C-alpha atoms as a PDB file:
ATOM      1  CA  MET A   1      29.567 -19.777   1.328  1.00  0.00           C
ATOM      2  CA  HIS A   2      28.906 -17.586  -1.693  1.00  0.00           C
ATOM      3  CA  VAL A   3      27.259 -14.185  -1.362  1.00  0.00           C
ATOM      4  CA  ILE A   4      25.688 -11.825  -3.850  1.00  0.00           C
ATOM      5  CA  LEU A   5      26.219  -8.090  -3.485  1.00  0.00           C
ATOM      6  CA  ALA A   6      23.283  -5.873  -4.461  1.00  0.00           C
ATOM      7  CA  LEU A   7      23.432  -2.079  -4.750  1.00  0.00           C
ATOM      8  CA  ASP A   8      20.426   0.242  -4.638  1.00  0.00           C
ATOM      9  CA  LEU A   9      21.238   3.754  -5.835  1.00  0.00           C
ATOM     10  CA  GLY A  10      18.179   5.720  -4.805  1.00  0.00           C
ATOM     11  CA  THR A  11      17.371   9.407  -4.757  1.00  0.00           C
ATOM     12  CA  THR A  12      17.558   9.598  -0.957  1.00  0.00           C
ATOM     13  CA  HIS A  13      19.769   6.664   0.052  1.00  0.00           C
ATOM     14  CA  LEU A  14      22.436   4.356  -1.317  1.00  0.00           C
ATOM     15  CA  LYS A  15      22.242   0.790  -0.022  1.00  0.00           C
ATOM     16  CA  ALA A  16      24.560  -2.196  -0.286  1.00  0.00           C
ATOM     17  CA  VAL A  17      23.345  -5.642   0.764  1.00  0.00           C
ATOM     18  CA  ALA A  18      25.015  -9.059   0.731  1.00  0.00           C
ATOM     19  CA  VAL A  19      22.764 -12.122   0.608  1.00  0.00           C
ATOM     20  CA  ASP A  20      23.712 -15.778   0.875  1.00  0.00           C
ATOM     21  CA  GLU A  21      22.626 -18.665  -1.366  1.00  0.00           C
ATOM     22  CA  LYS A  22      19.356 -18.999   0.569  1.00  0.00           C
ATOM     23  CA  GLY A  23      18.468 -15.314   0.203  1.00  0.00           C
ATOM     24  CA  ARG A  24      19.300 -14.372   3.781  1.00  0.00           C
ATOM     25  CA  VAL A  25      20.845 -10.942   4.368  1.00  0.00           C
ATOM     26  CA  VAL A  26      24.395 -11.510   5.614  1.00  0.00           C
ATOM     27  CA  ALA A  27      25.439  -7.843   5.849  1.00  0.00           C
ATOM     28  CA  SER A  28      24.132  -4.438   4.820  1.00  0.00           C
ATOM     29  CA  GLN A  29      25.214  -0.801   4.776  1.00  0.00           C
ATOM     30  CA  SER A  30      23.480   2.414   3.763  1.00  0.00           C
ATOM     31  CA  ALA A  31      24.215   6.125   3.411  1.00  0.00           C
ATOM     32  CA  ARG A  32      22.374   9.217   2.284  1.00  0.00           C
ATOM     33  CA  THR A  33      22.654   9.998  -1.414  1.00  0.00           C
ATOM     34  CA  PRO A  34      24.958  13.010  -1.851  1.00  0.00           C
ATOM     35  CA  ILE A  35      23.020  16.084  -2.992  1.00  0.00           C
ATOM     36  CA  SER A  36      24.715  19.277  -4.194  1.00  0.00           C
ATOM     37  CA  ALA A  37      23.655  22.844  -3.377  1.00  0.00           C
ATOM     38  CA  ASP A  38      21.596  23.037  -6.585  1.00  0.00           C
ATOM     39  CA  HIS A  39      19.735  19.836  -5.569  1.00  0.00           C
ATOM     40  CA  THR A  40      21.337  17.624  -8.196  1.00  0.00           C
ATOM     41  CA  ILE A  41      23.028  14.310  -7.555  1.00  0.00           C
ATOM     42  CA  PRO A  42      26.717  14.617  -8.551  1.00  0.00           C
ATOM     43  CA  PRO A  43      27.790  11.346 -10.236  1.00  0.00           C
ATOM     44  CA  ILE A  44      31.347  11.446  -8.883  1.00  0.00           C
ATOM     45  CA  ASP A  45      30.155  11.941  -5.295  1.00  0.00           C
ATOM     46  CA  THR A  46      27.699   9.070  -5.715  1.00  0.00           C
ATOM     47  CA  ALA A  47      30.457   6.824  -7.095  1.00  0.00           C
ATOM     48  CA  ILE A  48      32.746   7.674  -4.175  1.00  0.00           C
ATOM     49  CA  GLN A  49      29.950   7.003  -1.679  1.00  0.00           C
ATOM     50  CA  CYS A  50      29.188   3.645  -3.350  1.00  0.00           C
ATOM     51  CA  GLU A  51      32.851   2.687  -3.184  1.00  0.00           C
ATOM     52  CA  GLN A  52      32.900   3.484   0.541  1.00  0.00           C
ATOM     53  CA  LEU A  53      29.751   1.405   1.130  1.00  0.00           C
ATOM     54  CA  ILE A  54      31.246  -1.560  -0.709  1.00  0.00           C
ATOM     55  CA  LYS A  55      34.448  -1.306   1.349  1.00  0.00           C
ATOM     56  CA  GLN A  56      32.425  -1.185   4.585  1.00  0.00           C
ATOM     57  CA  LEU A  57      30.312  -4.137   3.482  1.00  0.00           C
ATOM     58  CA  THR A  58      33.402  -6.137   2.491  1.00  0.00           C
ATOM     59  CA  SER A  59      34.904  -5.435   5.899  1.00  0.00           C
ATOM     60  CA  LEU A  60      31.750  -6.715   7.606  1.00  0.00           C
ATOM     61  CA  LEU A  61      31.692  -9.775   5.382  1.00  0.00           C
ATOM     62  CA  SER A  62      35.329 -10.629   6.062  1.00  0.00           C
ATOM     63  CA  THR A  63      34.349 -11.424   9.636  1.00  0.00           C
ATOM     64  CA  LYS A  64      31.536 -13.734   8.470  1.00  0.00           C
ATOM     65  CA  VAL A  65      32.672 -15.370   5.209  1.00  0.00           C
ATOM     66  CA  ARG A  66      35.791 -15.800   3.131  1.00  0.00           C
ATOM     67  CA  VAL A  67      36.009 -12.945   0.625  1.00  0.00           C
ATOM     68  CA  ASP A  68      37.465 -13.743  -2.828  1.00  0.00           C
ATOM     69  CA  ALA A  69      38.276 -10.702  -4.954  1.00  0.00           C
END
């Protein structure tokens, strides 16, 4: 089975979703968007958070489908 990974980098949440060939959600993860003390969104913190979401999603997927890197 092939899956497509979609990322949504929003102002309040970051979301990662994997869907199969029929458009069904196979796995999903979300986290709050990191906000600094001056209410800006630090790019490096967002990148780190996205990386963590992708790792969590990949871990979930590995139990459901074969993951090819």
